[in-house]
C-alpha atoms as a PDB file:
ATOM      1  CA  UNK A   1     109.837 -42.203  10.507  1.00  0.00           C
ATOM      2  CA  UNK A   2     109.266 -44.076   6.759  1.00  0.00           C
ATOM      3  CA  UNK A   3     106.020 -46.268   5.416  1.00  0.00           C
ATOM      4  CA  UNK A   4     105.778 -49.191   4.846  1.00  0.00           C
ATOM      5  CA  UNK A   5     103.281 -49.124   1.690  1.00  0.00           C
ATOM      6  CA  UNK A   6     101.786 -52.425   0.154  1.00  0.00           C
ATOM      7  CA  UNK A   7     100.904 -51.362  -4.071  1.00  0.00           C
ATOM      8  CA  UNK A   8      99.532 -53.914  -6.139  1.00  0.00           C
ATOM      9  CA  UNK A   9      97.149 -54.752  -8.346  1.00  0.00           C
ATOM     10  CA  UNK A  10      93.920 -57.445  -6.642  1.00  0.00           C
ATOM     11  CA  UNK A  11      91.520 -59.320  -8.493  1.00  0.00           C
ATOM     12  CA  UNK A  12      87.989 -59.289  -7.105  1.00  0.00           C
ATOM     13  CA  UNK A  13      88.563 -62.898  -5.630  1.00  0.00           C
ATOM     14  CA  UNK A  14      92.430 -61.313  -3.312  1.00  0.00           C
ATOM     15  CA  UNK A  15      95.067 -63.115  -6.286  1.00  0.00           C
ATOM     16  CA  UNK A  16      98.003 -60.694  -7.041  1.00  0.00           C
ATOM     17  CA  UNK A  17      98.784 -63.333  -9.489  1.00  0.00           C
ATOM     18  CA  UNK A  18      97.495 -66.689 -10.972  1.00  0.00           C
ATOM     19  CA  UNK A  19      98.966 -70.612  -9.602  1.00  0.00           C
ATOM     20  CA  UNK A  20     102.088 -69.959 -12.024  1.00  0.00           C
ATOM     21  CA  UNK A  21     102.808 -66.753 -10.799  1.00  0.00           C
ATOM     22  CA  UNK A  22     100.916 -65.319 -13.910  1.00  0.00           C
ATOM     23  CA  UNK A  23      99.181 -62.036 -14.101  1.00  0.00           C
ATOM     24  CA  UNK A  24      98.653 -61.056 -17.458  1.00  0.00           C
ATOM     25  CA  UNK A  25      95.012 -61.996 -17.426  1.00  0.00           C
ATOM     26  CA  UNK A  26      94.229 -58.740 -15.592  1.00  0.00           C
ATOM     27  CA  UNK A  27      92.153 -56.738 -17.532  1.00  0.00           C
ATOM     28  CA  UNK A  28      92.790 -53.269 -18.725  1.00  0.00           C
ATOM     29  CA  UNK A  29      90.311 -52.622 -21.158  1.00  0.00           C
ATOM     30  CA  UNK A  30      90.022 -51.364 -25.034  1.00  0.00           C
ATOM     31  CA  UNK A  31      93.246 -49.142 -25.761  1.00  0.00           C
ATOM     32  CA  UNK A  32      92.072 -45.503 -25.226  1.00  0.00           C
ATOM     33  CA  UNK A  33      91.206 -46.648 -21.481  1.00  0.00           C
ATOM     34  CA  UNK A  34      94.244 -48.470 -21.042  1.00  0.00           C
ATOM     35  CA  UNK A  35      96.403 -45.938 -21.644  1.00  0.00           C
ATOM     36  CA  UNK A  36      94.961 -43.042 -19.667  1.00  0.00           C
ATOM     37  CA  UNK A  37      94.818 -45.335 -17.047  1.00  0.00           C
ATOM     38  CA  UNK A  38      98.762 -46.185 -17.748  1.00  0.00           C
ATOM     39  CA  UNK A  39      99.134 -42.723 -18.152  1.00  0.00           C
ATOM     40  CA  UNK A  40      97.193 -41.770 -14.820  1.00  0.00           C
ATOM     41  CA  UNK A  41      99.135 -44.687 -12.293  1.00  0.00           C
ATOM     42  CA  UNK A  42     102.622 -43.981 -14.442  1.00  0.00           C
ATOM     43  CA  UNK A  43     102.181 -39.624 -13.425  1.00  0.00           C
ATOM     44  CA  UNK A  44     101.135 -40.956  -9.553  1.00  0.00           C
ATOM     45  CA  UNK A  45     103.518 -43.661  -8.612  1.00  0.00           C
ATOM     46  CA  UNK A  46     106.482 -43.221 -11.506  1.00  0.00           C
ATOM     47  CA  UNK A  47     108.727 -45.247  -9.294  1.00  0.00           C
ATOM     48  CA  UNK A  48     107.035 -48.388  -9.363  1.00  0.00           C
ATOM     49  CA  UNK A  49     107.377 -48.400 -13.355  1.00  0.00           C
ATOM     50  CA  UNK A  50     109.718 -50.565 -14.030  1.00  0.00           C
ATOM     51  CA  UNK A  51     113.449 -49.364 -15.294  1.00  0.00           C
ATOM     52  CA  UNK A  52     113.562 -50.738 -18.885  1.00  0.00           C
ATOM     53  CA  UNK A  53     109.607 -49.209 -19.231  1.00  0.00           C
ATOM     54  CA  UNK A  54     110.508 -46.012 -18.052  1.00  0.00           C
ATOM     55  CA  UNK A  55     111.656 -44.857 -21.441  1.00  0.00           C
ATOM     56  CA  UNK A  56     109.029 -45.487 -23.180  1.00  0.00           C
ATOM     57  CA  UNK A  57     106.424 -44.085 -21.537  1.00  0.00           C
ATOM     58  CA  UNK A  58     108.594 -41.172 -20.686  1.00  0.00           C
ATOM     59  CA  UNK A  59     109.377 -41.179 -17.549  1.00  0.00           C
ATOM     60  CA  UNK A  60     113.274 -41.802 -18.283  1.00  0.00           C
ATOM     61  CA  UNK A  61     114.868 -38.562 -15.964  1.00  0.00           C
ATOM     62  CA  UNK A  62     110.861 -38.374 -13.906  1.00  0.00           C
ATOM     63  CA  UNK A  63     111.681 -37.940  -9.696  1.00  0.00           C
ATOM     64  CA  UNK A  64     110.619 -40.728  -7.258  1.00  0.00           C
ATOM     65  CA  UNK A  65     107.639 -39.268  -5.906  1.00  0.00           C
ATOM     66  CA  UNK A  66     106.342 -42.249  -3.143  1.00  0.00           C
ATOM     67  CA  UNK A  67     109.439 -44.764  -2.808  1.00  0.00           C
ATOM     68  CA  UNK A  68     113.724 -44.679  -2.536  1.00  0.00           C
ATOM     69  CA  UNK A  69     113.286 -48.852  -1.263  1.00  0.00           C
ATOM     70  CA  UNK A  70     111.479 -51.560  -3.065  1.00  0.00           C
ATOM     71  CA  UNK A  71     111.539 -55.393  -0.984  1.00  0.00           C
ATOM     72  CA  UNK A  72     109.994 -58.705  -3.249  1.00  0.00           C
ATOM     73  CA  UNK A  73     109.774 -62.070  -2.159  1.00  0.00           C
ATOM     74  CA  UNK A  74     111.939 -64.360  -5.005  1.00  0.00           C
ATOM     75  CA  UNK A  75     108.605 -64.868  -7.139  1.00  0.00           C
ATOM     76  CA  UNK A  76     108.073 -60.899  -7.829  1.00  0.00           C
ATOM     77  CA  UNK A  77     111.450 -60.989  -8.478  1.00  0.00           C
ATOM     78  CA  UNK A  78     111.531 -63.773 -10.876  1.00  0.00           C
ATOM     79  CA  UNK A  79     110.549 -62.833 -13.991  1.00  0.00           C
ATOM     80  CA  UNK A  80     112.913 -59.997 -14.002  1.00  0.00           C
ATOM     81  CA  UNK A  81     115.469 -62.812 -13.719  1.00  0.00           C
ATOM     82  CA  UNK A  82     113.906 -65.004 -16.266  1.00  0.00           C
ATOM     83  CA  UNK A  83     113.525 -62.013 -18.939  1.00  0.00           C
ATOM     84  CA  UNK A  84     117.682 -61.686 -18.025  1.00  0.00           C
ATOM     85  CA  UNK A  85     117.138 -58.091 -15.873  1.00  0.00           C
ATOM     86  CA  UNK A  86     119.481 -58.590 -12.882  1.00  0.00           C
ATOM     87  CA  UNK A  87     118.646 -54.722 -11.504  1.00  0.00           C
ATOM     88  CA  UNK A  88     114.227 -54.087 -12.256  1.00  0.00           C
ATOM     89  CA  UNK A  89     114.541 -51.541 -10.223  1.00  0.00           C
ATOM     90  CA  UNK A  90     117.447 -49.707 -10.275  1.00  0.00           C
ATOM     91  CA  UNK A  91     115.999 -46.353 -10.322  1.00  0.00           C
ATOM     92  CA  UNK A  92     115.292 -47.763  -6.242  1.00  0.00           C
ATOM     93  CA  UNK A  93     117.021 -50.030  -3.843  1.00  0.00           C
ATOM     94  CA  UNK A  94     116.256 -53.271  -4.067  1.00  0.00           C
ATOM     95  CA  UNK A  95     115.952 -55.729  -2.090  1.00  0.00           C
ATOM     96  CA  UNK A  96     114.897 -59.538  -2.701  1.00  0.00           C
ATOM     97  CA  UNK A  97     113.462 -61.730   0.748  1.00  0.00           C
ATOM     98  CA  UNK A  98     114.980 -64.859  -0.676  1.00  0.00           C
ATOM     99  CA  UNK A  99     116.698 -67.649   1.590  1.00  0.00           C
ATOM    100  CA  UNK A 100     117.101 -69.531  -1.623  1.00  0.00           C
ATOM    101  CA  UNK A 101     118.932 -66.870  -4.382  1.00  0.00           C
ATOM    102  CA  UNK A 102     122.564 -66.578  -4.547  1.00  0.00           C
ATOM    103  CA  UNK A 103     123.310 -63.364  -2.222  1.00  0.00           C
ATOM    104  CA  UNK A 104     125.557 -61.649  -5.765  1.00  0.00           C
ATOM    105  CA  UNK A 105     122.563 -61.742  -8.037  1.00  0.00           C
ATOM    106  CA  UNK A 106     123.245 -58.125  -9.092  1.00  0.00           C
ATOM    107  CA  UNK A 107     125.061 -56.083  -7.414  1.00  0.00           C
ATOM    108  CA  UNK A 108     122.326 -53.038  -7.164  1.00  0.00           C
ATOM    109  CA  UNK A 109     119.929 -55.858  -5.377  1.00  0.00           C
ATOM    110  CA  UNK A 110     120.560 -57.067  -1.585  1.00  0.00           C
ATOM    111  CA  UNK A 111     119.206 -60.605  -1.240  1.00  0.00           C
ATOM    112  CA  UNK A 112     118.411 -60.970   2.776  1.00  0.00           C
ATOM    113  CA  UNK A 113     117.832 -64.768   3.678  1.00  0.00           C
ATOM    114  CA  UNK A 114     116.528 -63.505   6.842  1.00  0.00           C
ATOM    115  CA  UNK A 115     113.943 -61.945   9.049  1.00  0.00           C
ATOM    116  CA  UNK A 116     111.608 -60.168   6.504  1.00  0.00           C
ATOM    117  CA  UNK A 117     110.358 -57.913   9.854  1.00  0.00           C
ATOM    118  CA  UNK A 118     113.859 -57.112  11.132  1.00  0.00           C
ATOM    119  CA  UNK A 119     114.823 -55.389   7.558  1.00  0.00           C
ATOM    120  CA  UNK A 120     111.598 -53.460   7.953  1.00  0.00           C
ATOM    121  CA  UNK A 121     111.848 -52.096  10.989  1.00  0.00           C
ATOM    122  CA  UNK A 122     115.536 -51.058  10.035  1.00  0.00           C
ATOM    123  CA  UNK A 123     114.830 -49.475   6.534  1.00  0.00           C
ATOM    124  CA  UNK A 124     112.207 -47.422   8.150  1.00  0.00           C
ATOM    125  CA  UNK A 125     114.623 -46.335  11.028  1.00  0.00           C
ATOM    126  CA  UNK A 126     116.452 -44.667   8.112  1.00  0.00           C
ATOM    127  CA  UNK A 127     116.583 -41.025   8.203  1.00  0.00           C
ATOM    128  CA  UNK A 128     116.890 -38.332   4.631  1.00  0.00           C
ATOM    129  CA  UNK A 129     115.037 -39.324   1.866  1.00  0.00           C
ATOM    130  CA  UNK A 130     111.723 -38.608   2.880  1.00  0.00           C
ATOM    131  CA  UNK A 131     110.054 -40.874   0.723  1.00  0.00           C
ATOM    132  CA  UNK A 132     108.473 -44.187   1.998  1.00  0.00           C
ATOM    133  CA  UNK A 133     109.421 -48.156   1.429  1.00  0.00           C
ATOM    134  CA  UNK A 134     107.286 -49.661  -1.423  1.00  0.00           C
ATOM    135  CA  UNK A 135     106.482 -53.335  -0.421  1.00  0.00           C
ATOM    136  CA  UNK A 136     106.567 -55.038  -4.557  1.00  0.00           C
ATOM    137  CA  UNK A 137     105.300 -58.434  -3.564  1.00  0.00           C
ATOM    138  CA  UNK A 138     104.817 -62.028  -3.262  1.00  0.00           C
ATOM    139  CA  UNK A 139     101.889 -62.705  -1.089  1.00  0.00           C
ATOM    140  CA  UNK A 140     103.636 -65.022   1.462  1.00  0.00           C
ATOM    141  CA  UNK A 141     106.382 -61.597   1.958  1.00  0.00           C
ATOM    142  CA  UNK A 142     102.605 -59.208   3.005  1.00  0.00           C
ATOM    143  CA  UNK A 143     101.742 -62.011   5.089  1.00  0.00           C
ATOM    144  CA  UNK A 144     104.942 -62.256   7.045  1.00  0.00           C
ATOM    145  CA  UNK A 145     105.523 -58.161   7.122  1.00  0.00           C
ATOM    146  CA  UNK A 146     101.395 -56.993   7.813  1.00  0.00           C
ATOM    147  CA  UNK A 147     102.167 -56.029  11.486  1.00  0.00           C
ATOM    148  CA  UNK A 148     104.286 -53.628   9.332  1.00  0.00           C
ATOM    149  CA  UNK A 149     102.650 -52.303   7.252  1.00  0.00           C
ATOM    150  CA  UNK A 150     101.243 -48.572   7.274  1.00  0.00           C
ATOM    151  CA  UNK A 151      99.332 -47.535   4.406  1.00  0.00           C
ATOM    152  CA  UNK A 152      98.371 -50.036   1.325  1.00  0.00           C
ATOM    153  CA  UNK A 153      97.750 -49.116  -2.859  1.00  0.00           C
ATOM    154  CA  UNK A 154      94.959 -51.230  -3.948  1.00  0.00           C
ATOM    155  CA  UNK A 155      94.499 -51.533  -8.006  1.00  0.00           C
ATOM    156  CA  UNK A 156      91.003 -53.522  -7.942  1.00  0.00           C
ATOM    157  CA  UNK A 157      90.472 -55.489 -11.380  1.00  0.00           C
ATOM    158  CA  UNK A 158      87.245 -56.296 -12.366  1.00  0.00           C
ATOM    159  CA  UNK A 159      88.110 -60.028 -12.854  1.00  0.00           C
ATOM    160  CA  UNK A 160      88.258 -63.677 -11.078  1.00  0.00           C
ATOM    161  CA  UNK A 161      90.882 -65.681 -10.896  1.00  0.00           C
ATOM    162  CA  UNK A 162      89.538 -68.521  -9.146  1.00  0.00           C
ATOM    163  CA  UNK A 163      93.075 -69.464  -7.518  1.00  0.00           C
ATOM    164  CA  UNK A 164      95.999 -68.670  -7.295  1.00  0.00           C
ATOM    165  CA  UNK A 165      98.578 -65.954  -5.119  1.00  0.00           C
ATOM    166  CA  UNK A 166      96.632 -64.318  -1.642  1.00  0.00           C
ATOM    167  CA  UNK A 167      97.337 -60.507  -1.675  1.00  0.00           C
ATOM    168  CA  UNK A 168      98.436 -61.760   2.020  1.00  0.00           C
ATOM    169  CA  UNK A 169      99.148 -65.039   2.565  1.00  0.00           C
ATOM    170  CA  UNK A 170      99.811 -65.323   6.106  1.00  0.00           C
ATOM    171  CA  UNK A 171      98.763 -66.082   9.847  1.00  0.00           C
ATOM    172  CA  UNK A 172      94.650 -65.660  10.853  1.00  0.00           C
ATOM    173  CA  UNK A 173      95.343 -61.607  11.921  1.00  0.00           C
ATOM    174  CA  UNK A 174      92.739 -59.286  11.391  1.00  0.00           C
ATOM    175  CA  UNK A 175      94.058 -55.981  10.358  1.00  0.00           C
ATOM    176  CA  UNK A 176      91.892 -52.616   9.922  1.00  0.00           C
ATOM    177  CA  UNK A 177      92.340 -50.025   7.826  1.00  0.00           C
ATOM    178  CA  UNK A 178      90.486 -47.023   6.568  1.00  0.00           C
ATOM    179  CA  UNK A 179      89.828 -46.013   3.319  1.00  0.00           C
ATOM    180  CA  UNK A 180      91.739 -42.561   2.735  1.00  0.00           C
ATOM    181  CA  UNK A 181      90.878 -42.385  -0.618  1.00  0.00           C
ATOM    182  CA  UNK A 182      89.361 -43.891  -3.606  1.00  0.00           C
ATOM    183  CA  UNK A 183      89.161 -43.576  -7.724  1.00  0.00           C
ATOM    184  CA  UNK A 184      87.580 -45.091 -10.484  1.00  0.00           C
ATOM    185  CA  UNK A 185      88.537 -45.637 -13.893  1.00  0.00           C
ATOM    186  CA  UNK A 186      86.632 -46.459 -17.184  1.00  0.00           C
ATOM    187  CA  UNK A 187      88.056 -49.846 -17.724  1.00  0.00           C
ATOM    188  CA  UNK A 188      86.795 -51.043 -14.533  1.00  0.00           C
ATOM    189  CA  UNK A 189      89.543 -50.648 -12.028  1.00  0.00           C
ATOM    190  CA  UNK A 190      89.080 -49.090  -8.976  1.00  0.00           C
ATOM    191  CA  UNK A 191      92.156 -47.742  -7.060  1.00  0.00           C
ATOM    192  CA  UNK A 192      92.039 -47.494  -3.221  1.00  0.00           C
ATOM    193  CA  UNK A 193      94.777 -45.845  -1.326  1.00  0.00           C
ATOM    194  CA  UNK A 194      93.815 -46.832   2.215  1.00  0.00           C
ATOM    195  CA  UNK A 195      95.857 -46.042   6.587  1.00  0.00           C
ATOM    196  CA  UNK A 196      96.269 -48.514   9.211  1.00  0.00           C
ATOM    197  CA  UNK A 197      93.967 -48.031  12.263  1.00  0.00           C
END
């Protein structure tokens, strides 16, 4: 069965974005550190690089390694829309969970106004590709989908936001994950892969 993997950047206090959805405050280190970190993550997770940026980082024809499908909330989708990009991950099947978004926003995007748990259960039962489903964000959607999250890939940045969008915004539901692998980078970021116990 396919897995739902939450791959996300997080601050030390568990925020995935600021109060206004901003994420430009995540420190990347100096130019050399930033380039090395980006090259490493882009090589490992090319599927998570937005289509508009793939050519610039040498991933134009890179095959998907982990994911063939992305699920996101409206807050995560909104920056692309505001930039005039209706299909931010054209190399993946795209689902946006939103009760307010028009269903015909883009022919490459499926808007899901209802139960995200039902959507993910259906996606996980699909066969054929061998690739998983990427939960891209946001916090409310991650909170709703926590019962279906199989793995976490957390990019933890050395910054405290103080306020903003939590990684999981839902009911109190302690859920244990085991650390499978952890990598530290010179720019202070740690990337931790966790699996559901």
